[in-house]
Amino acid sequence: NIAGNGNCVPRPDHRPLTKFENRGHTRGHGVWDMMYRKLAD
C-alpha cells in the first residue's frame, strides 16, 4: 500500500473528476482512492 496499511491516497491528477463524483462532493459524500504497488517475488 503506497500510502501505508490502512491508508488512502489523495485523488491523483490523472484520474478525472467525474460529474457524478463532483455532485457527491457538493453533497458531502466521500470518495476514496487506494493504490497498491506490486512487489518483486
PDB file of all heavy atoms in Angstrom:
ATOM      1  N   ASN A   1       0.869  -1.174   0.000  1.00  0.00           N
ATOM      2  CA  ASN A   1       0.000   0.000   0.000  1.00  0.00           C
ATOM      3  C   ASN A   1       0.906   1.225   0.000  1.00  0.00           C
ATOM      4  O   ASN A   1       1.645   1.462   0.961  1.00  0.00           O
ATOM      5  CB  ASN A   1      -0.899  -0.011   1.244  1.00  0.00           C
ATOM      6  CG  ASN A   1      -1.887   1.149   1.273  1.00  0.00           C
ATOM      7  OD1 ASN A   1      -1.684   2.177   0.645  1.00  0.00           O
ATOM      8  ND2 ASN A   1      -2.955   0.982   2.041  1.00  0.00           N
ATOM      9  N   ILE A   2       0.874   2.015  -1.063  1.00  0.00           N
ATOM     10  CA  ILE A   2       1.848   3.099  -1.173  1.00  0.00           C
ATOM     11  C   ILE A   2       1.592   4.212  -0.157  1.00  0.00           C
ATOM     12  O   ILE A   2       2.477   5.044   0.083  1.00  0.00           O
ATOM     13  CB  ILE A   2       1.921   3.674  -2.604  1.00  0.00           C
ATOM     14  CG1 ILE A   2       0.641   4.401  -2.989  1.00  0.00           C
ATOM     15  CG2 ILE A   2       2.231   2.574  -3.611  1.00  0.00           C
ATOM     16  CD1 ILE A   2       0.758   5.134  -4.310  1.00  0.00           C
ATOM     17  N   ALA A   3       0.395   4.211   0.445  1.00  0.00           N
ATOM     18  CA  ALA A   3       0.099   5.192   1.492  1.00  0.00           C
ATOM     19  C   ALA A   3       0.313   4.621   2.882  1.00  0.00           C
ATOM     20  O   ALA A   3       0.139   5.330   3.868  1.00  0.00           O
ATOM     21  CB  ALA A   3      -1.346   5.680   1.350  1.00  0.00           C
ATOM     22  N   GLY A   4       0.705   3.342   2.965  1.00  0.00           N
ATOM     23  CA  GLY A   4       0.834   2.676   4.255  1.00  0.00           C
ATOM     24  C   GLY A   4      -0.450   1.949   4.591  1.00  0.00           C
ATOM     25  O   GLY A   4      -1.547   2.415   4.263  1.00  0.00           O
ATOM     26  N   ASN A   5      -0.335   0.793   5.235  1.00  0.00           N
ATOM     27  CA  ASN A   5      -1.508  -0.018   5.538  1.00  0.00           C
ATOM     28  C   ASN A   5      -2.589   0.789   6.243  1.00  0.00           C
ATOM     29  O   ASN A   5      -2.316   1.573   7.150  1.00  0.00           O
ATOM     30  CB  ASN A   5      -1.123  -1.219   6.400  1.00  0.00           C
ATOM     31  CG  ASN A   5      -0.460  -2.309   5.589  1.00  0.00           C
ATOM     32  OD1 ASN A   5      -0.278  -2.184   4.376  1.00  0.00           O
ATOM     33  ND2 ASN A   5      -0.093  -3.397   6.248  1.00  0.00           N
ATOM     34  N   GLY A   6      -3.821   0.576   5.778  1.00  0.00           N
ATOM     35  CA  GLY A   6      -4.967   1.255   6.369  1.00  0.00           C
ATOM     36  C   GLY A   6      -5.207   2.656   5.855  1.00  0.00           C
ATOM     37  O   GLY A   6      -6.155   3.317   6.306  1.00  0.00           O
ATOM     38  N   ASN A   7      -4.400   3.103   4.892  1.00  0.00           N
ATOM     39  CA  ASN A   7      -4.497   4.486   4.422  1.00  0.00           C
ATOM     40  C   ASN A   7      -4.873   4.576   2.944  1.00  0.00           C
ATOM     41  O   ASN A   7      -4.588   3.670   2.156  1.00  0.00           O
ATOM     42  CB  ASN A   7      -3.174   5.221   4.635  1.00  0.00           C
ATOM     43  CG  ASN A   7      -2.829   5.344   6.105  1.00  0.00           C
ATOM     44  OD1 ASN A   7      -3.684   5.687   6.916  1.00  0.00           O
ATOM     45  ND2 ASN A   7      -1.583   5.060   6.458  1.00  0.00           N
ATOM     46  N   CYS A   8      -5.491   5.698   2.591  1.00  0.00           N
ATOM     47  CA  CYS A   8      -5.837   6.006   1.210  1.00  0.00           C
ATOM     48  C   CYS A   8      -4.920   7.112   0.696  1.00  0.00           C
ATOM     49  O   CYS A   8      -4.187   7.735   1.472  1.00  0.00           O
ATOM     50  CB  CYS A   8      -7.298   6.451   1.120  1.00  0.00           C
ATOM     51  SG  CYS A   8      -8.486   5.198   1.664  1.00  0.00           S
ATOM     52  N   VAL A   9      -4.961   7.328  -0.601  1.00  0.00           N
ATOM     53  CA  VAL A   9      -4.163   8.388  -1.214  1.00  0.00           C
ATOM     54  C   VAL A   9      -5.087   9.494  -1.709  1.00  0.00           C
ATOM     55  O   VAL A   9      -6.272   9.252  -1.971  1.00  0.00           O
ATOM     56  CB  VAL A   9      -3.323   7.855  -2.398  1.00  0.00           C
ATOM     57  CG1 VAL A   9      -2.336   6.797  -1.936  1.00  0.00           C
ATOM     58  CG2 VAL A   9      -4.227   7.305  -3.502  1.00  0.00           C
ATOM     59  N   PRO A  10      -4.597  10.722  -1.850  1.00  0.00           N
ATOM     60  CA  PRO A  10      -5.403  11.771  -2.488  1.00  0.00           C
ATOM     61  C   PRO A  10      -5.684  11.382  -3.936  1.00  0.00           C
ATOM     62  O   PRO A  10      -4.909  10.656  -4.561  1.00  0.00           O
ATOM     63  CB  PRO A  10      -4.512  13.012  -2.420  1.00  0.00           C
ATOM     64  CG  PRO A  10      -3.480  12.706  -1.377  1.00  0.00           C
ATOM     65  CD  PRO A  10      -3.272  11.223  -1.410  1.00  0.00           C
ATOM     66  N   ARG A  11      -6.811  11.856  -4.471  1.00  0.00           N
ATOM     67  CA  ARG A  11      -7.109  11.558  -5.875  1.00  0.00           C
ATOM     68  C   ARG A  11      -5.981  12.095  -6.749  1.00  0.00           C
ATOM     69  O   ARG A  11      -5.690  13.292  -6.733  1.00  0.00           O
ATOM     70  CB  ARG A  11      -8.429  12.213  -6.298  1.00  0.00           C
ATOM     71  CG  ARG A  11      -8.782  11.953  -7.780  1.00  0.00           C
ATOM     72  CD  ARG A  11     -10.041  12.681  -8.201  1.00  0.00           C
ATOM     73  NE  ARG A  11      -9.889  14.127  -8.139  1.00  0.00           N
ATOM     74  CZ  ARG A  11      -9.375  14.862  -9.130  1.00  0.00           C
ATOM     75  NH1 ARG A  11      -8.964  14.283 -10.258  1.00  0.00           N
ATOM     76  NH2 ARG A  11      -9.278  16.170  -8.991  1.00  0.00           N
ATOM     77  N   PRO A  12      -5.318  11.211  -7.513  1.00  0.00           N
ATOM     78  CA  PRO A  12      -4.247  11.695  -8.392  1.00  0.00           C
ATOM     79  C   PRO A  12      -4.810  12.512  -9.550  1.00  0.00           C
ATOM     80  O   PRO A  12      -5.941  12.305  -9.983  1.00  0.00           O
ATOM     81  CB  PRO A  12      -3.584  10.401  -8.887  1.00  0.00           C
ATOM     82  CG  PRO A  12      -4.644   9.361  -8.766  1.00  0.00           C
ATOM     83  CD  PRO A  12      -5.494   9.748  -7.593  1.00  0.00           C
ATOM     84  N   ASP A  13      -4.007  13.419 -10.054  1.00  0.00           N
ATOM     85  CA  ASP A  13      -4.466  14.306 -11.125  1.00  0.00           C
ATOM     86  C   ASP A  13      -4.868  13.540 -12.375  1.00  0.00           C
ATOM     87  O   ASP A  13      -5.725  14.011 -13.140  1.00  0.00           O
ATOM     88  CB  ASP A  13      -3.371  15.321 -11.479  1.00  0.00           C
ATOM     89  CG  ASP A  13      -3.132  16.328 -10.368  1.00  0.00           C
ATOM     90  OD1 ASP A  13      -4.040  16.510  -9.530  1.00  0.00           O
ATOM     91  OD2 ASP A  13      -2.034  16.930 -10.331  1.00  0.00           O
ATOM     92  N   HIS A  14      -4.265  12.369 -12.605  1.00  0.00           N
ATOM     93  CA  HIS A  14      -4.565  11.659 -13.842  1.00  0.00           C
ATOM     94  C   HIS A  14      -5.924  10.969 -13.804  1.00  0.00           C
ATOM     95  O   HIS A  14      -6.408  10.513 -14.844  1.00  0.00           O
ATOM     96  CB  HIS A  14      -3.466  10.632 -14.161  1.00  0.00           C
ATOM     97  CG  HIS A  14      -3.363   9.511 -13.180  1.00  0.00           C
ATOM     98  ND1 HIS A  14      -2.409   9.489 -12.181  1.00  0.00           N
ATOM     99  CD2 HIS A  14      -4.072   8.368 -13.030  1.00  0.00           C
ATOM    100  CE1 HIS A  14      -2.541   8.383 -11.465  1.00  0.00           C
ATOM    101  NE2 HIS A  14      -3.559   7.697 -11.958  1.00  0.00           N
ATOM    102  N   ARG A  15      -6.554  10.850 -12.621  1.00  0.00           N
ATOM    103  CA  ARG A  15      -7.916  10.301 -12.576  1.00  0.00           C
ATOM    104  C   ARG A  15      -8.906  11.446 -12.654  1.00  0.00           C
ATOM    105  O   ARG A  15      -9.032  12.223 -11.716  1.00  0.00           O
ATOM    106  CB  ARG A  15      -8.157   9.478 -11.304  1.00  0.00           C
ATOM    107  CG  ARG A  15      -9.569   8.861 -11.303  1.00  0.00           C
ATOM    108  CD  ARG A  15      -9.819   7.925 -10.145  1.00  0.00           C
ATOM    109  NE  ARG A  15     -10.025   8.602  -8.882  1.00  0.00           N
ATOM    110  CZ  ARG A  15     -11.141   9.254  -8.524  1.00  0.00           C
ATOM    111  NH1 ARG A  15     -12.153   9.360  -9.373  1.00  0.00           N
ATOM    112  NH2 ARG A  15     -11.229   9.821  -7.334  1.00  0.00           N
ATOM    113  N   PRO A  16      -9.625  11.575 -13.777  1.00  0.00           N
ATOM    114  CA  PRO A  16     -10.534  12.710 -13.936  1.00  0.00           C
ATOM    115  C   PRO A  16     -11.632  12.710 -12.872  1.00  0.00           C
ATOM    116  O   PRO A  16     -12.095  11.657 -12.425  1.00  0.00           O
ATOM    117  CB  PRO A  16     -11.138  12.496 -15.336  1.00  0.00           C
ATOM    118  CG  PRO A  16     -10.149  11.633 -16.043  1.00  0.00           C
ATOM    119  CD  PRO A  16      -9.572  10.739 -14.987  1.00  0.00           C
ATOM    120  N   LEU A  17     -12.047  13.881 -12.493  1.00  0.00           N
ATOM    121  CA  LEU A  17     -13.164  14.061 -11.568  1.00  0.00           C
ATOM    122  C   LEU A  17     -14.444  14.013 -12.382  1.00  0.00           C
ATOM    123  O   LEU A  17     -14.695  14.874 -13.220  1.00  0.00           O
ATOM    124  CB  LEU A  17     -13.044  15.401 -10.839  1.00  0.00           C
ATOM    125  CG  LEU A  17     -14.064  15.706  -9.747  1.00  0.00           C
ATOM    126  CD1 LEU A  17     -13.900  14.756  -8.572  1.00  0.00           C
ATOM    127  CD2 LEU A  17     -13.921  17.153  -9.281  1.00  0.00           C
ATOM    128  N   THR A  18     -15.263  12.979 -12.156  1.00  0.00           N
ATOM    129  CA  THR A  18     -16.478  12.813 -12.941  1.00  0.00           C
ATOM    130  C   THR A  18     -17.583  13.744 -12.421  1.00  0.00           C
ATOM    131  O   THR A  18     -17.545  14.222 -11.285  1.00  0.00           O
ATOM    132  CB  THR A  18     -16.985  11.365 -12.876  1.00  0.00           C
ATOM    133  OG1 THR A  18     -17.404  11.066 -11.534  1.00  0.00           O
ATOM    134  CG2 THR A  18     -15.887  10.387 -13.287  1.00  0.00           C
ATOM    135  N   LYS A  19     -18.596  13.983 -13.267  1.00  0.00           N
ATOM    136  CA  LYS A  19     -19.741  14.795 -12.855  1.00  0.00           C
ATOM    137  C   LYS A  19     -20.438  14.159 -11.653  1.00  0.00           C
ATOM    138  O   LYS A  19     -20.838  14.850 -10.716  1.00  0.00           O
ATOM    139  CB  LYS A  19     -20.722  14.949 -14.019  1.00  0.00           C
ATOM    140  CG  LYS A  19     -20.202  15.794 -15.173  1.00  0.00           C
ATOM    141  CD  LYS A  19     -21.246  15.908 -16.268  1.00  0.00           C
ATOM    142  CE  LYS A  19     -20.722  16.739 -17.430  1.00  0.00           C
ATOM    143  NZ  LYS A  19     -21.730  16.838 -18.528  1.00  0.00           N
ATOM    144  N   PHE A  20     -20.580  12.850 -11.693  1.00  0.00           N
ATOM    145  CA  PHE A  20     -21.217  12.129 -10.595  1.00  0.00           C
ATOM    146  C   PHE A  20     -20.430  12.333  -9.303  1.00  0.00           C
ATOM    147  O   PHE A  20     -20.999  12.619  -8.247  1.00  0.00           O
ATOM    148  CB  PHE A  20     -21.282  10.637 -10.940  1.00  0.00           C
ATOM    149  CG  PHE A  20     -21.692   9.757  -9.803  1.00  0.00           C
ATOM    150  CD1 PHE A  20     -23.021   9.607  -9.460  1.00  0.00           C
ATOM    151  CD2 PHE A  20     -20.737   9.057  -9.071  1.00  0.00           C
ATOM    152  CE1 PHE A  20     -23.401   8.794  -8.408  1.00  0.00           C
ATOM    153  CE2 PHE A  20     -21.103   8.237  -8.012  1.00  0.00           C
ATOM    154  CZ  PHE A  20     -22.450   8.101  -7.684  1.00  0.00           C
ATOM    155  N   GLU A  21     -19.113  12.213  -9.397  1.00  0.00           N
ATOM    156  CA  GLU A  21     -18.257  12.372  -8.224  1.00  0.00           C
ATOM    157  C   GLU A  21     -18.302  13.809  -7.714  1.00  0.00           C
ATOM    158  O   GLU A  21     -18.345  14.053  -6.497  1.00  0.00           O
ATOM    159  CB  GLU A  21     -16.832  11.988  -8.593  1.00  0.00           C
ATOM    160  CG  GLU A  21     -15.855  11.977  -7.432  1.00  0.00           C
ATOM    161  CD  GLU A  21     -14.462  11.562  -7.859  1.00  0.00           C
ATOM    162  OE1 GLU A  21     -14.288  11.154  -9.037  1.00  0.00           O
ATOM    163  OE2 GLU A  21     -13.545  11.647  -7.026  1.00  0.00           O
ATOM    164  N   ASN A  22     -18.326  14.767  -8.628  1.00  0.00           N
ATOM    165  CA  ASN A  22     -18.373  16.176  -8.243  1.00  0.00           C
ATOM    166  C   ASN A  22     -19.676  16.495  -7.508  1.00  0.00           C
ATOM    167  O   ASN A  22     -19.674  17.232  -6.511  1.00  0.00           O
ATOM    168  CB  ASN A  22     -18.235  17.055  -9.485  1.00  0.00           C
ATOM    169  CG  ASN A  22     -17.698  18.432  -9.153  1.00  0.00           C
ATOM    170  OD1 ASN A  22     -16.965  18.614  -8.192  1.00  0.00           O
ATOM    171  ND2 ASN A  22     -18.081  19.411  -9.957  1.00  0.00           N
ATOM    172  N   ARG A  23     -20.794  15.934  -7.993  1.00  0.00           N
ATOM    173  CA  ARG A  23     -22.072  16.125  -7.305  1.00  0.00           C
ATOM    174  C   ARG A  23     -22.012  15.540  -5.904  1.00  0.00           C
ATOM    175  O   ARG A  23     -22.543  16.107  -4.952  1.00  0.00           O
ATOM    176  CB  ARG A  23     -23.213  15.474  -8.096  1.00  0.00           C
ATOM    177  CG  ARG A  23     -23.643  16.231  -9.327  1.00  0.00           C
ATOM    178  CD  ARG A  23     -25.035  15.808  -9.768  1.00  0.00           C
ATOM    179  NE  ARG A  23     -25.117  14.362 -10.006  1.00  0.00           N
ATOM    180  CZ  ARG A  23     -24.903  13.789 -11.172  1.00  0.00           C
ATOM    181  NH1 ARG A  23     -24.572  14.541 -12.222  1.00  0.00           N
ATOM    182  NH2 ARG A  23     -25.003  12.492 -11.318  1.00  0.00           N
ATOM    183  N   GLY A  24     -21.354  14.382  -5.788  1.00  0.00           N
ATOM    184  CA  GLY A  24     -21.233  13.756  -4.479  1.00  0.00           C
ATOM    185  C   GLY A  24     -20.465  14.622  -3.502  1.00  0.00           C
ATOM    186  O   GLY A  24     -20.824  14.725  -2.322  1.00  0.00           O
ATOM    187  N   HIS A  25     -19.407  15.271  -3.997  1.00  0.00           N
ATOM    188  CA  HIS A  25     -18.613  16.154  -3.142  1.00  0.00           C
ATOM    189  C   HIS A  25     -19.464  17.308  -2.619  1.00  0.00           C
ATOM    190  O   HIS A  25     -19.354  17.693  -1.455  1.00  0.00           O
ATOM    191  CB  HIS A  25     -17.406  16.702  -3.911  1.00  0.00           C
ATOM    192  CG  HIS A  25     -16.268  15.734  -4.017  1.00  0.00           C
ATOM    193  ND1 HIS A  25     -15.736  15.076  -2.928  1.00  0.00           N
ATOM    194  CD2 HIS A  25     -15.552  15.305  -5.095  1.00  0.00           C
ATOM    195  CE1 HIS A  25     -14.750  14.293  -3.330  1.00  0.00           C
ATOM    196  NE2 HIS A  25     -14.622  14.408  -4.636  1.00  0.00           N
ATOM    197  N   THR A  26     -20.295  17.876  -3.496  1.00  0.00           N
ATOM    198  CA  THR A  26     -21.122  19.004  -3.070  1.00  0.00           C
ATOM    199  C   THR A  26     -22.145  18.586  -2.034  1.00  0.00           C
ATOM    200  O   THR A  26     -22.635  19.422  -1.261  1.00  0.00           O
ATOM    201  CB  THR A  26     -21.845  19.640  -4.283  1.00  0.00           C
ATOM    202  OG1 THR A  26     -22.735  18.686  -4.866  1.00  0.00           O
ATOM    203  CG2 THR A  26     -20.840  20.118  -5.316  1.00  0.00           C
ATOM    204  N   ARG A  27     -22.487  17.314  -1.997  1.00  0.00           N
ATOM    205  CA  ARG A  27     -23.452  16.803  -1.021  1.00  0.00           C
ATOM    206  C   ARG A  27     -22.771  16.194   0.197  1.00  0.00           C
ATOM    207  O   ARG A  27     -23.416  15.603   1.052  1.00  0.00           O
ATOM    208  CB  ARG A  27     -24.345  15.748  -1.680  1.00  0.00           C
ATOM    209  CG  ARG A  27     -25.192  16.297  -2.824  1.00  0.00           C
ATOM    210  CD  ARG A  27     -25.894  15.201  -3.593  1.00  0.00           C
ATOM    211  NE  ARG A  27     -26.642  15.735  -4.729  1.00  0.00           N
ATOM    212  CZ  ARG A  27     -27.228  14.982  -5.651  1.00  0.00           C
ATOM    213  NH1 ARG A  27     -27.141  13.652  -5.577  1.00  0.00           N
ATOM    214  NH2 ARG A  27     -27.898  15.538  -6.647  1.00  0.00           N
ATOM    215  N   GLY A  28     -21.453  16.346   0.248  1.00  0.00           N
ATOM    216  CA  GLY A  28     -20.723  15.848   1.398  1.00  0.00           C
ATOM    217  C   GLY A  28     -20.377  14.377   1.361  1.00  0.00           C
ATOM    218  O   GLY A  28     -19.989  13.794   2.373  1.00  0.00           O
ATOM    219  N   HIS A  29     -20.505  13.746   0.195  1.00  0.00           N
ATOM    220  CA  HIS A  29     -20.167  12.335   0.066  1.00  0.00           C
ATOM    221  C   HIS A  29     -18.654  12.173  -0.070  1.00  0.00           C
ATOM    222  O   HIS A  29     -17.999  12.954  -0.759  1.00  0.00           O
ATOM    223  CB  HIS A  29     -20.846  11.721  -1.161  1.00  0.00           C
ATOM    224  CG  HIS A  29     -22.337  11.761  -1.089  1.00  0.00           C
ATOM    225  ND1 HIS A  29     -23.143  11.418  -2.151  1.00  0.00           N
ATOM    226  CD2 HIS A  29     -23.179  12.100  -0.082  1.00  0.00           C
ATOM    227  CE1 HIS A  29     -24.414  11.557  -1.799  1.00  0.00           C
ATOM    228  NE2 HIS A  29     -24.457  11.969  -0.552  1.00  0.00           N
ATOM    229  N   GLY A  30     -18.114  11.160   0.545  1.00  0.00           N
ATOM    230  CA  GLY A  30     -16.684  10.913   0.448  1.00  0.00           C
ATOM    231  C   GLY A  30     -16.327  10.084  -0.767  1.00  0.00           C
ATOM    232  O   GLY A  30     -17.143   9.329  -1.299  1.00  0.00           O
ATOM    233  N   VAL A  31     -15.104  10.232  -1.235  1.00  0.00           N
ATOM    234  CA  VAL A  31     -14.535   9.392  -2.294  1.00  0.00           C
ATOM    235  C   VAL A  31     -13.133   9.025  -1.850  1.00  0.00           C
ATOM    236  O   VAL A  31     -12.377   9.886  -1.378  1.00  0.00           O
ATOM    237  CB  VAL A  31     -14.496  10.118  -3.654  1.00  0.00           C
ATOM    238  CG1 VAL A  31     -13.763   9.275  -4.691  1.00  0.00           C
ATOM    239  CG2 VAL A  31     -15.913  10.420  -4.136  1.00  0.00           C
ATOM    240  N   TRP A  32     -12.784   7.744  -1.986  1.00  0.00           N
ATOM    241  CA  TRP A  32     -11.507   7.256  -1.502  1.00  0.00           C
ATOM    242  C   TRP A  32     -10.742   6.565  -2.626  1.00  0.00           C
ATOM    243  O   TRP A  32     -11.297   5.741  -3.358  1.00  0.00           O
ATOM    244  CB  TRP A  32     -11.726   6.281  -0.353  1.00  0.00           C
ATOM    245  CG  TRP A  32     -12.360   6.924   0.840  1.00  0.00           C
ATOM    246  CD1 TRP A  32     -11.740   7.530   1.894  1.00  0.00           C
ATOM    247  CD2 TRP A  32     -13.772   7.032   1.111  1.00  0.00           C
ATOM    248  NE1 TRP A  32     -12.651   8.003   2.794  1.00  0.00           N
ATOM    249  CE2 TRP A  32     -13.910   7.721   2.346  1.00  0.00           C
ATOM    250  CE3 TRP A  32     -14.923   6.620   0.440  1.00  0.00           C
ATOM    251  CZ2 TRP A  32     -15.148   7.996   2.914  1.00  0.00           C
ATOM    252  CZ3 TRP A  32     -16.168   6.915   0.986  1.00  0.00           C
ATOM    253  CH2 TRP A  32     -16.266   7.589   2.212  1.00  0.00           C
ATOM    254  N   ASP A  33      -9.454   6.908  -2.770  1.00  0.00           N
ATOM    255  CA  ASP A  33      -8.552   6.263  -3.723  1.00  0.00           C
ATOM    256  C   ASP A  33      -7.540   5.441  -2.956  1.00  0.00           C
ATOM    257  O   ASP A  33      -7.011   5.895  -1.923  1.00  0.00           O
ATOM    258  CB  ASP A  33      -7.814   7.315  -4.553  1.00  0.00           C
ATOM    259  CG  ASP A  33      -8.674   7.934  -5.625  1.00  0.00           C
ATOM    260  OD1 ASP A  33      -9.562   8.756  -5.288  1.00  0.00           O
ATOM    261  OD2 ASP A  33      -8.473   7.600  -6.812  1.00  0.00           O
ATOM    262  N   MET A  34      -7.249   4.262  -3.467  1.00  0.00           N
ATOM    263  CA  MET A  34      -6.242   3.382  -2.879  1.00  0.00           C
ATOM    264  C   MET A  34      -5.325   2.890  -3.980  1.00  0.00           C
ATOM    265  O   MET A  34      -5.790   2.528  -5.065  1.00  0.00           O
ATOM    266  CB  MET A  34      -6.905   2.187  -2.182  1.00  0.00           C
ATOM    267  CG  MET A  34      -7.658   2.564  -0.912  1.00  0.00           C
ATOM    268  SD  MET A  34      -9.186   1.591  -0.699  1.00  0.00           S
ATOM    269  CE  MET A  34     -10.279   2.427  -1.859  1.00  0.00           C
ATOM    270  N   MET A  35      -4.022   2.881  -3.719  1.00  0.00           N
ATOM    271  CA  MET A  35      -3.060   2.452  -4.728  1.00  0.00           C
ATOM    272  C   MET A  35      -2.075   1.454  -4.101  1.00  0.00           C
ATOM    273  O   MET A  35      -1.473   1.730  -3.054  1.00  0.00           O
ATOM    274  CB  MET A  35      -2.307   3.651  -5.295  1.00  0.00           C
ATOM    275  CG  MET A  35      -3.245   4.670  -5.955  1.00  0.00           C
ATOM    276  SD  MET A  35      -2.400   6.132  -6.617  1.00  0.00           S
ATOM    277  CE  MET A  35      -1.709   5.447  -8.118  1.00  0.00           C
ATOM    278  N   TYR A  36      -1.943   0.325  -4.784  1.00  0.00           N
ATOM    279  CA  TYR A  36      -1.067  -0.747  -4.314  1.00  0.00           C
ATOM    280  C   TYR A  36      -0.029  -1.051  -5.382  1.00  0.00           C
ATOM    281  O   TYR A  36      -0.359  -1.200  -6.566  1.00  0.00           O
ATOM    282  CB  TYR A  36      -1.877  -2.015  -4.000  1.00  0.00           C
ATOM    283  CG  TYR A  36      -2.679  -1.872  -2.725  1.00  0.00           C
ATOM    284  CD1 TYR A  36      -3.897  -1.207  -2.725  1.00  0.00           C
ATOM    285  CD2 TYR A  36      -2.201  -2.382  -1.511  1.00  0.00           C
ATOM    286  CE1 TYR A  36      -4.629  -1.051  -1.556  1.00  0.00           C
ATOM    287  CE2 TYR A  36      -2.917  -2.241  -0.340  1.00  0.00           C
ATOM    288  CZ  TYR A  36      -4.124  -1.573  -0.370  1.00  0.00           C
ATOM    289  OH  TYR A  36      -4.842  -1.419   0.809  1.00  0.00           O
ATOM    290  N   ARG A  37       1.223  -1.156  -4.954  1.00  0.00           N
ATOM    291  CA  ARG A  37       2.331  -1.442  -5.858  1.00  0.00           C
ATOM    292  C   ARG A  37       2.678  -2.928  -5.783  1.00  0.00           C
ATOM    293  O   ARG A  37       2.739  -3.514  -4.693  1.00  0.00           O
ATOM    294  CB  ARG A  37       3.548  -0.603  -5.486  1.00  0.00           C
ATOM    295  CG  ARG A  37       4.773  -0.835  -6.377  1.00  0.00           C
ATOM    296  CD  ARG A  37       5.949  -0.010  -5.902  1.00  0.00           C
ATOM    297  NE  ARG A  37       5.733   1.423  -6.061  1.00  0.00           N
ATOM    298  CZ  ARG A  37       5.550   2.284  -5.068  1.00  0.00           C
ATOM    299  NH1 ARG A  37       5.580   1.863  -3.809  1.00  0.00           N
ATOM    300  NH2 ARG A  37       5.353   3.559  -5.304  1.00  0.00           N
ATOM    301  N   LYS A  38       2.914  -3.535  -6.961  1.00  0.00           N
ATOM    302  CA  LYS A  38       3.352  -4.931  -6.983  1.00  0.00           C
ATOM    303  C   LYS A  38       4.824  -5.016  -6.616  1.00  0.00           C
ATOM    304  O   LYS A  38       5.670  -4.330  -7.208  1.00  0.00           O
ATOM    305  CB  LYS A  38       3.130  -5.551  -8.366  1.00  0.00           C
ATOM    306  CG  LYS A  38       3.658  -6.982  -8.476  1.00  0.00           C
ATOM    307  CD  LYS A  38       3.449  -7.583  -9.845  1.00  0.00           C
ATOM    308  CE  LYS A  38       4.113  -8.928  -9.994  1.00  0.00           C
ATOM    309  NZ  LYS A  38       3.847  -9.565 -11.300  1.00  0.00           N
ATOM    310  N   LEU A  39       5.122  -5.872  -5.655  1.00  0.00           N
ATOM    311  CA  LEU A  39       6.496  -6.101  -5.233  1.00  0.00           C
ATOM    312  C   LEU A  39       7.086  -7.279  -5.997  1.00  0.00           C
ATOM    313  O   LEU A  39       6.371  -8.142  -6.510  1.00  0.00           O
ATOM    314  CB  LEU A  39       6.541  -6.378  -3.736  1.00  0.00           C
ATOM    315  CG  LEU A  39       5.958  -5.296  -2.826  1.00  0.00           C
ATOM    316  CD1 LEU A  39       5.959  -5.776  -1.375  1.00  0.00           C
ATOM    317  CD2 LEU A  39       6.691  -3.980  -2.982  1.00  0.00           C
ATOM    318  N   ALA A  40       8.404  -7.329  -6.060  1.00  0.00           N
ATOM    319  CA  ALA A  40       9.074  -8.469  -6.672  1.00  0.00           C
ATOM    320  C   ALA A  40       8.842  -9.715  -5.830  1.00  0.00           C
ATOM    321  O   ALA A  40       8.657  -9.646  -4.611  1.00  0.00           O
ATOM    322  CB  ALA A  40      10.573  -8.194  -6.801  1.00  0.00           C
ATOM    323  N   ASP A  41       8.846 -10.873  -6.494  1.00  0.00           N
ATOM    324  CA  ASP A  41       8.677 -12.145  -5.769  1.00  0.00           C
ATOM    325  C   ASP A  41       9.844 -12.381  -4.829  1.00  0.00           C
ATOM    326  O   ASP A  41      10.966 -11.974  -5.095  1.00  0.00           O
ATOM    327  CB  ASP A  41       8.557 -13.300  -6.771  1.00  0.00           C
ATOM    328  CG  ASP A  41       7.282 -13.207  -7.584  1.00  0.00           C
ATOM    329  OD1 ASP A  41       6.260 -12.735  -7.042  1.00  0.00           O
ATOM    330  OD2 ASP A  41       7.323 -13.586  -8.762  1.00  0.00           O
TER     331      ASP A  41
END
